[in-house]
C-alpha atoms as a PDB file:
ATOM      1  CA  UNK A   1      59.592  84.435 114.526  1.00  0.00           C
ATOM      2  CA  UNK A   2      60.701  83.605 118.031  1.00  0.00           C
ATOM      3  CA  UNK A   3      63.416  85.583 119.790  1.00  0.00           C
ATOM      4  CA  UNK A   4      65.739  82.568 120.092  1.00  0.00           C
ATOM      5  CA  UNK A   5      65.328  81.796 116.400  1.00  0.00           C
ATOM      6  CA  UNK A   6      66.245  85.394 115.480  1.00  0.00           C
ATOM      7  CA  UNK A   7      69.336  85.309 117.722  1.00  0.00           C
ATOM      8  CA  UNK A   8      70.487  82.092 116.068  1.00  0.00           C
ATOM      9  CA  UNK A   9      69.661  83.396 112.597  1.00  0.00           C
ATOM     10  CA  UNK A  10      71.809  86.530 113.082  1.00  0.00           C
ATOM     11  CA  UNK A  11      74.701  84.501 114.464  1.00  0.00           C
ATOM     12  CA  UNK A  12      74.531  82.458 111.219  1.00  0.00           C
ATOM     13  CA  UNK A  13      74.211  85.589 109.062  1.00  0.00           C
ATOM     14  CA  UNK A  14      77.257  87.189 110.688  1.00  0.00           C
ATOM     15  CA  UNK A  15      79.174  83.970 110.093  1.00  0.00           C
ATOM     16  CA  UNK A  16      78.130  84.067 106.413  1.00  0.00           C
ATOM     17  CA  UNK A  17      79.355  87.670 106.185  1.00  0.00           C
ATOM     18  CA  UNK A  18      82.794  86.725 107.589  1.00  0.00           C
ATOM     19  CA  UNK A  19      82.988  83.724 105.296  1.00  0.00           C
ATOM     20  CA  UNK A  20      82.051  85.931 102.356  1.00  0.00           C
ATOM     21  CA  UNK A  21      84.792  88.425 103.340  1.00  0.00           C
ATOM     22  CA  UNK A  22      87.490  85.782 103.632  1.00  0.00           C
ATOM     23  CA  UNK A  23      86.472  84.124 100.396  1.00  0.00           C
ATOM     24  CA  UNK A  24      86.531  87.387  98.413  1.00  0.00           C
ATOM     25  CA  UNK A  25      89.215  89.370 100.194  1.00  0.00           C
ATOM     26  CA  UNK A  26      91.426  86.399 100.979  1.00  0.00           C
ATOM     27  CA  UNK A  27      92.899  86.132  97.504  1.00  0.00           C
ATOM     28  CA  UNK A  28      93.160  89.960  97.403  1.00  0.00           C
ATOM     29  CA  UNK A  29      95.392  89.846 100.465  1.00  0.00           C
ATOM     30  CA  UNK A  30      97.388  87.056  98.901  1.00  0.00           C
ATOM     31  CA  UNK A  31      97.854  88.922  95.643  1.00  0.00           C
ATOM     32  CA  UNK A  32      98.898  92.021  97.579  1.00  0.00           C
ATOM     33  CA  UNK A  33     101.489  90.161  99.613  1.00  0.00           C
ATOM     34  CA  UNK A  34     102.928  88.516  96.471  1.00  0.00           C
ATOM     35  CA  UNK A  35     103.097  91.739  94.454  1.00  0.00           C
ATOM     36  CA  UNK A  36     106.737  92.835  95.060  1.00  0.00           C
ATOM     37  CA  UNK A  37     108.028  89.281  94.885  1.00  0.00           C
ATOM     38  CA  UNK A  38     106.230  87.851  91.839  1.00  0.00           C
ATOM     39  CA  UNK A  39     106.418  90.955  89.602  1.00  0.00           C
ATOM     40  CA  UNK A  40     109.929  91.702  88.383  1.00  0.00           C
ATOM     41  CA  UNK A  41     109.089  94.663  86.161  1.00  0.00           C
ATOM     42  CA  UNK A  42     106.600  97.515  86.424  1.00  0.00           C
ATOM     43  CA  UNK A  43     104.380  96.052  83.668  1.00  0.00           C
ATOM     44  CA  UNK A  44     104.216  92.746  85.531  1.00  0.00           C
ATOM     45  CA  UNK A  45     103.346  94.400  88.854  1.00  0.00           C
ATOM     46  CA  UNK A  46     100.689  96.516  87.125  1.00  0.00           C
ATOM     47  CA  UNK A  47      99.212  93.365  85.595  1.00  0.00           C
ATOM     48  CA  UNK A  48      99.130  91.711  89.012  1.00  0.00           C
ATOM     49  CA  UNK A  49      97.306  94.744  90.509  1.00  0.00           C
ATOM     50  CA  UNK A  50      94.874  94.749  87.594  1.00  0.00           C
ATOM     51  CA  UNK A  51      93.754  91.218  88.446  1.00  0.00           C
ATOM     52  CA  UNK A  52      92.070  92.578  91.572  1.00  0.00           C
ATOM     53  CA  UNK A  53      91.843  96.286  90.622  1.00  0.00           C
ATOM     54  CA  UNK A  54      88.157  96.182  89.739  1.00  0.00           C
ATOM     55  CA  UNK A  55      86.973  94.274  92.795  1.00  0.00           C
ATOM     56  CA  UNK A  56      89.218  94.725  95.844  1.00  0.00           C
ATOM     57  CA  UNK A  57      87.316  97.706  97.304  1.00  0.00           C
ATOM     58  CA  UNK A  58      83.978  96.044  96.839  1.00  0.00           C
ATOM     59  CA  UNK A  59      85.208  92.955  98.667  1.00  0.00           C
ATOM     60  CA  UNK A  60      86.008  95.021 101.756  1.00  0.00           C
ATOM     61  CA  UNK A  61      82.314  95.931 102.036  1.00  0.00           C
ATOM     62  CA  UNK A  62      81.801  92.476 103.495  1.00  0.00           C
ATOM     63  CA  UNK A  63      84.070  93.383 106.457  1.00  0.00           C
ATOM     64  CA  UNK A  64      82.166  96.632 107.041  1.00  0.00           C
ATOM     65  CA  UNK A  65      78.857  94.815 106.851  1.00  0.00           C
ATOM     66  CA  UNK A  66      80.032  92.123 109.284  1.00  0.00           C
ATOM     67  CA  UNK A  67      81.074  94.846 111.784  1.00  0.00           C
ATOM     68  CA  UNK A  68      77.858  96.765 111.289  1.00  0.00           C
ATOM     69  CA  UNK A  69      75.696  93.655 111.681  1.00  0.00           C
ATOM     70  CA  UNK A  70      77.578  92.729 114.854  1.00  0.00           C
ATOM     71  CA  UNK A  71      76.967  96.192 116.252  1.00  0.00           C
ATOM     72  CA  UNK A  72      73.253  96.111 115.495  1.00  0.00           C
ATOM     73  CA  UNK A  73      72.461  92.443 116.331  1.00  0.00           C
ATOM     74  CA  UNK A  74      74.878  91.807 119.235  1.00  0.00           C
ATOM     75  CA  UNK A  75      75.859  95.167 120.792  1.00  0.00           C
ATOM     76  CA  UNK A  76      77.516  93.612 123.842  1.00  0.00           C
ATOM     77  CA  UNK A  77      79.667  91.424 121.635  1.00  0.00           C
ATOM     78  CA  UNK A  78      80.647  94.471 119.558  1.00  0.00           C
ATOM     79  CA  UNK A  79      81.394  96.582 122.646  1.00  0.00           C
ATOM     80  CA  UNK A  80      83.548  93.951 124.340  1.00  0.00           C
ATOM     81  CA  UNK A  81      85.441  92.925 121.229  1.00  0.00           C
ATOM     82  CA  UNK A  82      86.044  96.397 119.813  1.00  0.00           C
ATOM     83  CA  UNK A  83      87.110  97.851 123.136  1.00  0.00           C
ATOM     84  CA  UNK A  84      89.239  94.882 124.131  1.00  0.00           C
ATOM     85  CA  UNK A  85      90.816  94.335 120.744  1.00  0.00           C
ATOM     86  CA  UNK A  86      91.111  98.083 120.168  1.00  0.00           C
ATOM     87  CA  UNK A  87      94.818  98.263 119.352  1.00  0.00           C
ATOM     88  CA  UNK A  88      94.665  95.170 117.143  1.00  0.00           C
ATOM     89  CA  UNK A  89      91.657  96.521 115.260  1.00  0.00           C
ATOM     90  CA  UNK A  90      93.350  99.911 114.979  1.00  0.00           C
ATOM     91  CA  UNK A  91      96.340  98.226 113.318  1.00  0.00           C
ATOM     92  CA  UNK A  92      93.930  96.349 111.022  1.00  0.00           C
ATOM     93  CA  UNK A  93      92.355  99.664 109.906  1.00  0.00           C
ATOM     94  CA  UNK A  94      95.874 101.065 109.353  1.00  0.00           C
ATOM     95  CA  UNK A  95      96.659  98.056 107.147  1.00  0.00           C
ATOM     96  CA  UNK A  96      93.453  98.521 105.126  1.00  0.00           C
ATOM     97  CA  UNK A  97      94.174 102.266 104.712  1.00  0.00           C
ATOM     98  CA  UNK A  98      97.752 101.583 103.561  1.00  0.00           C
ATOM     99  CA  UNK A  99      96.482  99.147 100.925  1.00  0.00           C
ATOM    100  CA  UNK A 100      93.731 101.476  99.721  1.00  0.00           C
ATOM    101  CA  UNK A 101      95.954 104.477  99.440  1.00  0.00           C
ATOM    102  CA  UNK A 102      98.662 102.474  97.647  1.00  0.00           C
ATOM    103  CA  UNK A 103      96.266 101.064  95.069  1.00  0.00           C
ATOM    104  CA  UNK A 104      94.975 104.569  94.280  1.00  0.00           C
ATOM    105  CA  UNK A 105      98.272 106.520  94.323  1.00  0.00           C
ATOM    106  CA  UNK A 106     100.742 104.032  92.866  1.00  0.00           C
ATOM    107  CA  UNK A 107     100.274 105.185  89.291  1.00  0.00           C
ATOM    108  CA  UNK A 108     100.119 108.926  90.026  1.00  0.00           C
ATOM    109  CA  UNK A 109     103.832 109.162  89.317  1.00  0.00           C
ATOM    110  CA  UNK A 110     105.919 107.155  86.825  1.00  0.00           C
ATOM    111  CA  UNK A 111     109.003 107.408  89.042  1.00  0.00           C
ATOM    112  CA  UNK A 112     110.163 103.789  89.679  1.00  0.00           C
ATOM    113  CA  UNK A 113     111.018 104.575  93.302  1.00  0.00           C
ATOM    114  CA  UNK A 114     107.537 105.976  93.917  1.00  0.00           C
ATOM    115  CA  UNK A 115     105.816 102.907  92.472  1.00  0.00           C
ATOM    116  CA  UNK A 116     108.246 100.521  94.199  1.00  0.00           C
ATOM    117  CA  UNK A 117     107.388 102.172  97.562  1.00  0.00           C
ATOM    118  CA  UNK A 118     103.696 101.739  97.046  1.00  0.00           C
ATOM    119  CA  UNK A 119     104.131  98.145  95.910  1.00  0.00           C
ATOM    120  CA  UNK A 120     105.735  97.343  99.230  1.00  0.00           C
ATOM    121  CA  UNK A 121     103.006  99.278 101.076  1.00  0.00           C
ATOM    122  CA  UNK A 122     100.419  97.077  99.413  1.00  0.00           C
ATOM    123  CA  UNK A 123     102.299  94.004 100.514  1.00  0.00           C
ATOM    124  CA  UNK A 124     102.812  95.180 104.077  1.00  0.00           C
ATOM    125  CA  UNK A 125      99.179  96.300 104.442  1.00  0.00           C
ATOM    126  CA  UNK A 126      97.906  92.969 103.095  1.00  0.00           C
ATOM    127  CA  UNK A 127     100.223  90.990 105.362  1.00  0.00           C
ATOM    128  CA  UNK A 128      99.238  93.052 108.455  1.00  0.00           C
ATOM    129  CA  UNK A 129      95.537  92.498 107.756  1.00  0.00           C
ATOM    130  CA  UNK A 130      95.866  88.742 107.280  1.00  0.00           C
ATOM    131  CA  UNK A 131      98.091  88.289 110.302  1.00  0.00           C
ATOM    132  CA  UNK A 132      95.848  90.316 112.632  1.00  0.00           C
ATOM    133  CA  UNK A 133      92.610  88.671 111.503  1.00  0.00           C
ATOM    134  CA  UNK A 134      94.071  85.168 111.894  1.00  0.00           C
ATOM    135  CA  UNK A 135      95.407  86.073 115.330  1.00  0.00           C
ATOM    136  CA  UNK A 136      92.082  87.577 116.440  1.00  0.00           C
ATOM    137  CA  UNK A 137      89.974  84.601 115.320  1.00  0.00           C
ATOM    138  CA  UNK A 138      92.355  82.130 116.929  1.00  0.00           C
ATOM    139  CA  UNK A 139      92.109  84.020 120.227  1.00  0.00           C
ATOM    140  CA  UNK A 140      88.325  84.040 120.011  1.00  0.00           C
ATOM    141  CA  UNK A 141      88.371  80.250 119.710  1.00  0.00           C
ATOM    142  CA  UNK A 142      90.933  79.898 122.519  1.00  0.00           C
ATOM    143  CA  UNK A 143      89.230  82.340 124.878  1.00  0.00           C
ATOM    144  CA  UNK A 144      90.196  85.723 126.163  1.00  0.00           C
ATOM    145  CA  UNK A 145      90.022  87.293 129.658  1.00  0.00           C
ATOM    146  CA  UNK A 146      86.510  88.585 130.158  1.00  0.00           C
ATOM    147  CA  UNK A 147      85.114  89.357 133.565  1.00  0.00           C
ATOM    148  CA  UNK A 148      81.584  89.102 134.947  1.00  0.00           C
ATOM    149  CA  UNK A 149      80.777  92.600 133.621  1.00  0.00           C
ATOM    150  CA  UNK A 150      81.563  91.581 129.989  1.00  0.00           C
ATOM    151  CA  UNK A 151      84.776  93.622 130.123  1.00  0.00           C
ATOM    152  CA  UNK A 152      87.975  92.481 128.432  1.00  0.00           C
ATOM    153  CA  UNK A 153      90.757  92.612 131.026  1.00  0.00           C
ATOM    154  CA  UNK A 154      93.770  91.824 128.889  1.00  0.00           C
ATOM    155  CA  UNK A 155      95.802  93.921 126.426  1.00  0.00           C
ATOM    156  CA  UNK A 156      97.392  93.645 123.007  1.00  0.00           C
ATOM    157  CA  UNK A 157     100.110  91.349 124.238  1.00  0.00           C
ATOM    158  CA  UNK A 158      97.503  88.990 125.683  1.00  0.00           C
ATOM    159  CA  UNK A 159      96.517  88.256 122.089  1.00  0.00           C
ATOM    160  CA  UNK A 160     100.139  87.599 121.005  1.00  0.00           C
ATOM    161  CA  UNK A 161     100.246  84.128 122.525  1.00  0.00           C
ATOM    162  CA  UNK A 162     101.700  81.143 120.587  1.00  0.00           C
ATOM    163  CA  UNK A 163      98.290  79.779 119.500  1.00  0.00           C
ATOM    164  CA  UNK A 164      97.057  83.187 118.378  1.00  0.00           C
ATOM    165  CA  UNK A 165     100.213  83.874 116.414  1.00  0.00           C
ATOM    166  CA  UNK A 166     100.054  80.378 114.830  1.00  0.00           C
ATOM    167  CA  UNK A 167      96.558  81.263 113.685  1.00  0.00           C
ATOM    168  CA  UNK A 168      97.851  84.507 112.201  1.00  0.00           C
ATOM    169  CA  UNK A 169     100.660  82.730 110.352  1.00  0.00           C
ATOM    170  CA  UNK A 170      98.207  80.089 109.105  1.00  0.00           C
ATOM    171  CA  UNK A 171      95.887  82.701 107.642  1.00  0.00           C
ATOM    172  CA  UNK A 172      98.820  84.512 105.977  1.00  0.00           C
ATOM    173  CA  UNK A 173     100.045  81.218 104.477  1.00  0.00           C
ATOM    174  CA  UNK A 174      96.611  80.113 103.227  1.00  0.00           C
ATOM    175  CA  UNK A 175      95.944  83.549 101.746  1.00  0.00           C
ATOM    176  CA  UNK A 176      99.353  83.504  99.976  1.00  0.00           C
ATOM    177  CA  UNK A 177      98.434  80.160  98.373  1.00  0.00           C
ATOM    178  CA  UNK A 178      94.927  81.466  97.615  1.00  0.00           C
ATOM    179  CA  UNK A 179      96.395  84.518  95.909  1.00  0.00           C
ATOM    180  CA  UNK A 180      98.895  82.598  93.833  1.00  0.00           C
ATOM    181  CA  UNK A 181      96.222  80.138  92.559  1.00  0.00           C
ATOM    182  CA  UNK A 182      93.999  83.118  91.741  1.00  0.00           C
ATOM    183  CA  UNK A 183      96.814  84.656  89.674  1.00  0.00           C
ATOM    184  CA  UNK A 184      97.164  81.486  87.639  1.00  0.00           C
ATOM    185  CA  UNK A 185      93.523  81.993  86.697  1.00  0.00           C
ATOM    186  CA  UNK A 186      93.885  85.668  85.773  1.00  0.00           C
ATOM    187  CA  UNK A 187      97.376  86.044  84.194  1.00  0.00           C
ATOM    188  CA  UNK A 188      98.870  85.029  80.911  1.00  0.00           C
ATOM    189  CA  UNK A 189     102.270  83.876  79.642  1.00  0.00           C
ATOM    190  CA  UNK A 190     105.426  83.735  81.726  1.00  0.00           C
ATOM    191  CA  UNK A 191     103.895  85.501  84.714  1.00  0.00           C
ATOM    192  CA  UNK A 192     101.182  82.883  84.895  1.00  0.00           C
ATOM    193  CA  UNK A 193     103.778  80.063  84.884  1.00  0.00           C
ATOM    194  CA  UNK A 194     105.745  81.875  87.581  1.00  0.00           C
ATOM    195  CA  UNK A 195     102.627  82.105  89.713  1.00  0.00           C
ATOM    196  CA  UNK A 196     101.993  78.360  89.241  1.00  0.00           C
ATOM    197  CA  UNK A 197     105.548  77.431  90.257  1.00  0.00           C
ATOM    198  CA  UNK A 198     105.229  79.676  93.315  1.00  0.00           C
ATOM    199  CA  UNK A 199     102.005  77.919  94.260  1.00  0.00           C
ATOM    200  CA  UNK A 200     103.884  74.655  94.575  1.00  0.00           C
ATOM    201  CA  UNK A 201     106.200  76.130  97.214  1.00  0.00           C
ATOM    202  CA  UNK A 202     103.447  78.032  98.995  1.00  0.00           C
ATOM    203  CA  UNK A 203     101.366  74.852  99.205  1.00  0.00           C
ATOM    204  CA  UNK A 204     104.017  73.166 101.349  1.00  0.00           C
ATOM    205  CA  UNK A 205     104.033  76.060 103.828  1.00  0.00           C
ATOM    206  CA  UNK A 206     100.235  76.266 103.969  1.00  0.00           C
ATOM    207  CA  UNK A 207      99.767  72.505 104.436  1.00  0.00           C
ATOM    208  CA  UNK A 208     102.293  72.393 107.342  1.00  0.00           C
ATOM    209  CA  UNK A 209     100.826  75.278 109.332  1.00  0.00           C
ATOM    210  CA  UNK A 210      97.209  74.136 108.716  1.00  0.00           C
ATOM    211  CA  UNK A 211      98.007  70.679 110.152  1.00  0.00           C
ATOM    212  CA  UNK A 212      99.888  72.327 113.080  1.00  0.00           C
ATOM    213  CA  UNK A 213      96.953  74.603 113.816  1.00  0.00           C
ATOM    214  CA  UNK A 214      94.535  71.673 113.699  1.00  0.00           C
ATOM    215  CA  UNK A 215      96.682  69.744 116.165  1.00  0.00           C
ATOM    216  CA  UNK A 216      97.162  72.617 118.624  1.00  0.00           C
ATOM    217  CA  UNK A 217      93.483  73.466 118.519  1.00  0.00           C
ATOM    218  CA  UNK A 218      92.975  70.396 120.680  1.00  0.00           C
ATOM    219  CA  UNK A 219      95.437  71.584 123.299  1.00  0.00           C
ATOM    220  CA  UNK A 220      94.515  75.271 123.290  1.00  0.00           C
ATOM    221  CA  UNK A 221      90.695  75.278 122.982  1.00  0.00           C
ATOM    222  CA  UNK A 222      87.757  73.374 124.474  1.00  0.00           C
ATOM    223  CA  UNK A 223      87.028  71.516 121.231  1.00  0.00           C
ATOM    224  CA  UNK A 224      87.524  68.060 122.825  1.00  0.00           C
ATOM    225  CA  UNK A 225      84.902  68.773 125.495  1.00  0.00           C
ATOM    226  CA  UNK A 226      82.459  70.685 123.305  1.00  0.00           C
ATOM    227  CA  UNK A 227      82.619  68.622 120.097  1.00  0.00           C
ATOM    228  CA  UNK A 228      84.588  65.525 121.128  1.00  0.00           C
ATOM    229  CA  UNK A 229      87.803  63.855 120.131  1.00  0.00           C
ATOM    230  CA  UNK A 230      86.372  63.201 116.716  1.00  0.00           C
ATOM    231  CA  UNK A 231      85.940  66.732 115.327  1.00  0.00           C
ATOM    232  CA  UNK A 232      83.416  65.588 112.724  1.00  0.00           C
ATOM    233  CA  UNK A 233      83.138  65.966 108.983  1.00  0.00           C
ATOM    234  CA  UNK A 234      83.635  69.688 108.558  1.00  0.00           C
ATOM    235  CA  UNK A 235      87.035  70.233 110.257  1.00  0.00           C
ATOM    236  CA  UNK A 236      88.456  67.058 108.748  1.00  0.00           C
ATOM    237  CA  UNK A 237      87.231  68.108 105.334  1.00  0.00           C
ATOM    238  CA  UNK A 238      88.884  71.531 105.784  1.00  0.00           C
ATOM    239  CA  UNK A 239      92.291  69.890 106.282  1.00  0.00           C
ATOM    240  CA  UNK A 240      91.718  67.438 103.402  1.00  0.00           C
ATOM    241  CA  UNK A 241      90.738  70.301 101.101  1.00  0.00           C
ATOM    242  CA  UNK A 242      94.062  72.098 101.590  1.00  0.00           C
ATOM    243  CA  UNK A 243      96.039  68.858 101.259  1.00  0.00           C
ATOM    244  CA  UNK A 244      94.549  67.858  97.913  1.00  0.00           C
ATOM    245  CA  UNK A 245      95.338  71.270  96.406  1.00  0.00           C
ATOM    246  CA  UNK A 246      98.751  69.998  95.347  1.00  0.00           C
ATOM    247  CA  UNK A 247      97.084  67.451  93.129  1.00  0.00           C
ATOM    248  CA  UNK A 248      95.412  70.158  91.109  1.00  0.00           C
ATOM    249  CA  UNK A 249      98.441  72.470  91.064  1.00  0.00           C
ATOM    250  CA  UNK A 250     100.758  69.781  89.728  1.00  0.00           C
ATOM    251  CA  UNK A 251      98.268  68.955  86.929  1.00  0.00           C
ATOM    252  CA  UNK A 252      97.803  72.605  85.987  1.00  0.00           C
ATOM    253  CA  UNK A 253      94.139  72.483  87.007  1.00  0.00           C
ATOM    254  CA  UNK A 254      94.223  76.020  88.288  1.00  0.00           C
ATOM    255  CA  UNK A 255      90.454  76.448  88.582  1.00  0.00           C
ATOM    256  CA  UNK A 256      90.145  73.371  90.818  1.00  0.00           C
ATOM    257  CA  UNK A 257      93.226  74.400  92.830  1.00  0.00           C
ATOM    258  CA  UNK A 258      91.605  77.810  93.490  1.00  0.00           C
ATOM    259  CA  UNK A 259      88.289  76.203  94.463  1.00  0.00           C
ATOM    260  CA  UNK A 260      90.075  73.723  96.748  1.00  0.00           C
ATOM    261  CA  UNK A 261      91.700  76.531  98.742  1.00  0.00           C
ATOM    262  CA  UNK A 262      88.380  78.456  98.788  1.00  0.00           C
ATOM    263  CA  UNK A 263      86.607  75.333 100.110  1.00  0.00           C
ATOM    264  CA  UNK A 264      89.238  75.025 102.833  1.00  0.00           C
ATOM    265  CA  UNK A 265      88.590  78.599 103.957  1.00  0.00           C
ATOM    266  CA  UNK A 266      84.824  78.055 103.986  1.00  0.00           C
ATOM    267  CA  UNK A 267      85.049  74.809 105.957  1.00  0.00           C
ATOM    268  CA  UNK A 268      87.548  76.318 108.416  1.00  0.00           C
ATOM    269  CA  UNK A 269      85.228  79.192 109.187  1.00  0.00           C
ATOM    270  CA  UNK A 270      82.189  76.906 109.461  1.00  0.00           C
ATOM    271  CA  UNK A 271      84.232  74.839 111.951  1.00  0.00           C
ATOM    272  CA  UNK A 272      85.169  77.956 113.896  1.00  0.00           C
ATOM    273  CA  UNK A 273      81.613  79.251 114.239  1.00  0.00           C
ATOM    274  CA  UNK A 274      80.364  75.753 115.062  1.00  0.00           C
ATOM    275  CA  UNK A 275      82.921  75.546 117.890  1.00  0.00           C
ATOM    276  CA  UNK A 276      81.851  78.998 119.173  1.00  0.00           C
ATOM    277  CA  UNK A 277      78.044  78.509 119.077  1.00  0.00           C
ATOM    278  CA  UNK A 278      76.135  79.691 121.006  1.00  0.00           C
ATOM    279  CA  UNK A 279      79.044  81.657 122.426  1.00  0.00           C
ATOM    280  CA  UNK A 280      80.406  84.707 120.621  1.00  0.00           C
ATOM    281  CA  UNK A 281      83.334  85.424 122.953  1.00  0.00           C
ATOM    282  CA  UNK A 282      84.705  82.822 125.290  1.00  0.00           C
ATOM    283  CA  UNK A 283      85.927  83.886 128.727  1.00  0.00           C
ATOM    284  CA  UNK A 284      89.187  82.306 129.757  1.00  0.00           C
ATOM    285  CA  UNK A 285      88.598  83.444 133.335  1.00  0.00           C
ATOM    286  CA  UNK A 286      85.269  81.694 133.844  1.00  0.00           C
ATOM    287  CA  UNK A 287      83.173  79.889 131.199  1.00  0.00           C
ATOM    288  CA  UNK A 288      80.040  81.277 132.786  1.00  0.00           C
ATOM    289  CA  UNK A 289      81.205  84.809 131.973  1.00  0.00           C
ATOM    290  CA  UNK A 290      81.346  84.063 128.242  1.00  0.00           C
ATOM    291  CA  UNK A 291      79.268  86.208 125.900  1.00  0.00           C
ATOM    292  CA  UNK A 292      76.560  84.252 124.067  1.00  0.00           C
ATOM    293  CA  UNK A 293      73.948  85.026 121.430  1.00  0.00           C
ATOM    294  CA  UNK A 294      71.456  85.171 124.278  1.00  0.00           C
ATOM    295  CA  UNK A 295      73.128  87.636 126.671  1.00  0.00           C
ATOM    296  CA  UNK A 296      74.757  89.820 124.013  1.00  0.00           C
ATOM    297  CA  UNK A 297      71.930  90.375 121.512  1.00  0.00           C
ATOM    298  CA  UNK A 298      69.643  93.268 120.690  1.00  0.00           C
ATOM    299  CA  UNK A 299      65.888  93.249 121.253  1.00  0.00           C
ATOM    300  CA  UNK A 300      63.552  90.989 119.307  1.00  0.00           C
ATOM    301  CA  UNK A 301      62.121  94.009 117.478  1.00  0.00           C
ATOM    302  CA  UNK A 302      65.573  95.152 116.341  1.00  0.00           C
ATOM    303  CA  UNK A 303      66.468  91.675 115.039  1.00  0.00           C
ATOM    304  CA  UNK A 304      63.089  91.428 113.213  1.00  0.00           C
ATOM    305  CA  UNK A 305      63.591  94.714 111.404  1.00  0.00           C
ATOM    306  CA  UNK A 306      67.168  93.758 110.521  1.00  0.00           C
ATOM    307  CA  UNK A 307      65.944  90.428 109.101  1.00  0.00           C
ATOM    308  CA  UNK A 308      63.525  92.214 106.787  1.00  0.00           C
ATOM    309  CA  UNK A 309      66.206  94.655 105.606  1.00  0.00           C
ATOM    310  CA  UNK A 310      68.686  91.836 104.990  1.00  0.00           C
ATOM    311  CA  UNK A 311      66.086  89.842 103.015  1.00  0.00           C
ATOM    312  CA  UNK A 312      65.711  92.780 100.642  1.00  0.00           C
ATOM    313  CA  UNK A 313      69.249  94.002 100.202  1.00  0.00           C
ATOM    314  CA  UNK A 314      71.575  90.995 100.523  1.00  0.00           C
ATOM    315  CA  UNK A 315      70.360  89.398  97.247  1.00  0.00           C
ATOM    316  CA  UNK A 316      70.936  92.725  95.471  1.00  0.00           C
ATOM    317  CA  UNK A 317      74.518  92.926  96.757  1.00  0.00           C
ATOM    318  CA  UNK A 318      75.181  89.294  95.739  1.00  0.00           C
ATOM    319  CA  UNK A 319      73.809  89.823  92.232  1.00  0.00           C
ATOM    320  CA  UNK A 320      75.861  93.040  91.792  1.00  0.00           C
ATOM    321  CA  UNK A 321      79.115  91.415  92.944  1.00  0.00           C
ATOM    322  CA  UNK A 322      78.512  88.387  90.801  1.00  0.00           C
ATOM    323  CA  UNK A 323      77.903  90.670  87.791  1.00  0.00           C
ATOM    324  CA  UNK A 324      81.130  92.570  88.533  1.00  0.00           C
ATOM    325  CA  UNK A 325      83.227  89.406  88.572  1.00  0.00           C
ATOM    326  CA  UNK A 326      81.560  88.207  85.358  1.00  0.00           C
ATOM    327  CA  UNK A 327      82.321  91.464  83.564  1.00  0.00           C
ATOM    328  CA  UNK A 328      86.007  91.452  84.615  1.00  0.00           C
ATOM    329  CA  UNK A 329      86.561  87.711  84.118  1.00  0.00           C
ATOM    330  CA  UNK A 330      89.131  87.950  81.302  1.00  0.00           C
ATOM    331  CA  UNK A 331      92.815  87.167  81.781  1.00  0.00           C
ATOM    332  CA  UNK A 332      95.321  90.017  82.238  1.00  0.00           C
ATOM    333  CA  UNK A 333      98.370  90.452  79.958  1.00  0.00           C
ATOM    334  CA  UNK A 334     101.568  92.345  80.617  1.00  0.00           C
ATOM    335  CA  UNK A 335     101.173  94.159  77.303  1.00  0.00           C
ATOM    336  CA  UNK A 336     101.310  97.921  78.019  1.00  0.00           C
ATOM    337  CA  UNK A 337      98.595  98.567  75.518  1.00  0.00           C
ATOM    338  CA  UNK A 338      96.077  96.536  77.537  1.00  0.00           C
ATOM    339  CA  UNK A 339      97.114  97.609  81.061  1.00  0.00           C
ATOM    340  CA  UNK A 340      95.023 100.092  82.961  1.00  0.00           C
ATOM    341  CA  UNK A 341      96.979 102.509  85.146  1.00  0.00           C
END
């Protein structure tokens, strides 16, 4: 395999890892953010947690793998992004830790105040992760200050620009809708109906911010010069996918509603990586200083070995995760006898 082919292949594989993470962890974040609002009683909140209790930690493996693959395949990309976005990534890790601790320790004490505190920690950790990831990806599409030495010259507040924050709010809104549609698939009775009604309201918020982000992408990125005024099939389909979700929600077609939001997430990420390629980090100081798959990658030998390893282990991981979701596919009831604490 040629060196250029391997560089392109690993750009695509890293994109797939991020898409897999957002597809699997996106509804986890949404469920976490909705926990203290949708569940009125302890049994209801426990049922909500149980919908993702068997899979949430496995879903986070996709994030770790995406980071590890970036480090191995594109070390300059990893070095620039992880040093430049250090505080943002530190806060992301804090959010993930808060969530993980809360899931594990919530039921260690039956005291209502104890559980209520951890419920809010789950919500805050989930919100922080979604907001930071959306802000980071929006800034990558917009461009960040990178000098000729591949060094990030900004700070945390550089990332907190209007377009970056709009991207963060958009990801939070879409994940909230994604989580509520997931809950209609996993819950029973009154709690399921409550989740469906909430989905109708969350849809309005998600649709508005998605359309706003699509509009401001033209004014804040180089999409018009790189792709053209007509963005093409994928970005337009991403917007349409989120807009038609209301059709399925109103007709109680929860499976299709969930798939519609999932399709929006996939198409949005495909659009993002298409806009980036062959760049991995765009320099807002000088386009020629941007990091690309060609000047940021590892050696041909390293990419070859990684490709062989991925060919062996990725199918195993996919089969295992598919099996886990199949085993825990049943709906969750608020009956104390069936709840797992």
